[in-house]
Amino acid sequence: MRPHLDITKLDESQQAILDKTLEQFKRYGPIAMVSSHEIQGLLDEEVHELHHAVHSNDMSDIRAELIDVAVTALWGIMSIDQGKLDWPKED
């Protein structure tokens, strides 16, 4: 039987993703991803790094890479939700 997760710990995991997102905003600025291809490329890069971490079997590295994947996905979702893809749009 698989172990169960403690849902009361969800906030801790979400906070790690939020903290990394805000760190990236400070580092790069609040720039949007501008195409679905950019989102895919950045996610592919992060997933590739996750593969390396999994092969190393270092839980700290795996966790860090999972956070990077989540941050990249969140950034892509924000870019879509705020209508920033396919910039510049021609009028």
Protein backbone atom coordinates (compact mmCIF):
# COMPACT_ATOMS: atom_id res chain seq x y z
CA MET A 1 0.00 0.00 0.00
CA ARG A 2 1.27 3.45 -0.88
CA PRO A 3 1.88 5.93 1.93
CA HIS A 4 -0.62 8.78 2.26
CA LEU A 5 0.29 12.45 2.08
CA ASP A 6 -0.59 14.88 4.84
CA ILE A 7 -2.70 17.49 3.04
CA THR A 8 -2.13 19.92 5.93
CA LYS A 9 1.47 20.20 4.65
CA LEU A 10 0.33 21.48 1.22
CA ASP A 11 1.02 25.09 2.18
CA GLU A 12 4.70 24.31 2.80
CA SER A 13 5.12 22.86 -0.68
CA GLN A 14 3.18 25.69 -2.31
CA GLN A 15 5.28 28.23 -0.41
CA ALA A 16 8.48 26.72 -1.81
CA ILE A 17 7.10 27.19 -5.34
CA LEU A 18 5.92 30.74 -4.59
CA ASP A 19 9.28 31.68 -3.03
CA LYS A 20 11.16 30.40 -6.10
CA THR A 21 8.73 32.19 -8.44
CA LEU A 22 9.27 35.49 -6.65
CA GLU A 23 13.04 34.89 -6.67
CA GLN A 24 12.89 34.38 -10.45
CA PHE A 25 10.77 37.53 -10.89
CA LYS A 26 13.45 39.50 -9.04
CA ARG A 27 16.18 37.91 -11.13
CA TYR A 28 14.60 38.20 -14.60
CA GLY A 29 11.83 40.72 -14.10
CA PRO A 30 8.16 39.96 -14.63
CA ILE A 31 8.61 39.14 -18.31
CA ALA A 32 6.03 36.91 -19.94
CA MET A 33 6.59 33.85 -22.03
CA VAL A 34 5.39 34.83 -25.47
CA SER A 35 4.67 31.57 -27.27
CA SER A 36 3.62 28.02 -26.61
CA HIS A 37 6.94 26.93 -28.12
CA GLU A 38 8.83 29.00 -25.55
CA ILE A 39 6.82 27.41 -22.76
CA GLN A 40 7.52 23.94 -24.12
CA GLY A 41 11.22 24.66 -24.60
CA LEU A 42 11.68 25.97 -21.08
CA LEU A 43 9.69 23.10 -19.57
CA ASP A 44 11.65 20.57 -21.63
CA GLU A 45 14.88 22.05 -20.27
CA GLU A 46 13.64 21.84 -16.68
CA VAL A 47 12.37 18.28 -17.14
CA HIS A 48 15.73 17.32 -18.64
CA GLU A 49 17.43 18.66 -15.50
CA LEU A 50 14.92 16.69 -13.41
CA HIS A 51 15.91 13.51 -15.27
CA HIS A 52 19.54 14.09 -14.29
CA ALA A 53 18.54 14.69 -10.68
CA VAL A 54 16.48 11.49 -10.62
CA HIS A 55 19.43 9.51 -11.95
CA SER A 56 21.60 10.95 -9.18
CA ASN A 57 18.96 9.78 -6.67
CA ASP A 58 19.62 12.90 -4.57
CA MET A 59 16.26 13.87 -3.03
CA SER A 60 17.38 17.46 -2.45
CA ASP A 61 18.28 17.86 -6.13
CA ILE A 62 15.08 16.13 -7.22
CA ARG A 63 13.00 18.44 -5.02
CA ALA A 64 14.79 21.52 -6.36
CA GLU A 65 14.22 20.44 -9.96
CA LEU A 66 10.56 19.66 -9.29
CA ILE A 67 10.19 23.18 -7.92
CA ASP A 68 11.84 24.55 -11.08
CA VAL A 69 9.40 22.56 -13.23
CA ALA A 70 6.47 23.90 -11.19
CA VAL A 71 7.72 27.49 -11.40
CA THR A 72 8.16 27.23 -15.17
CA ALA A 73 4.68 25.73 -15.55
CA LEU A 74 3.20 28.45 -13.34
CA TRP A 75 4.98 31.17 -15.33
CA GLY A 76 3.57 29.68 -18.54
CA ILE A 77 0.07 29.53 -17.08
CA MET A 78 0.35 33.15 -15.95
CA SER A 79 1.50 34.16 -19.43
CA ILE A 80 -1.52 32.42 -20.99
CA ASP A 81 -4.00 33.71 -18.40
CA GLN A 82 -2.79 37.28 -18.91
CA GLY A 83 -3.00 37.06 -22.71
CA LYS A 84 0.73 37.48 -23.33
CA LEU A 85 1.30 34.68 -25.84
CA ASP A 86 1.92 35.42 -29.51
CA TRP A 87 3.36 38.84 -28.78
CA PRO A 88 3.49 41.21 -30.52
CA LYS A 89 -0.03 40.84 -31.77
CA GLU A 90 -0.74 42.54 -35.03
CA ASP A 91 -3.76 44.83 -35.03
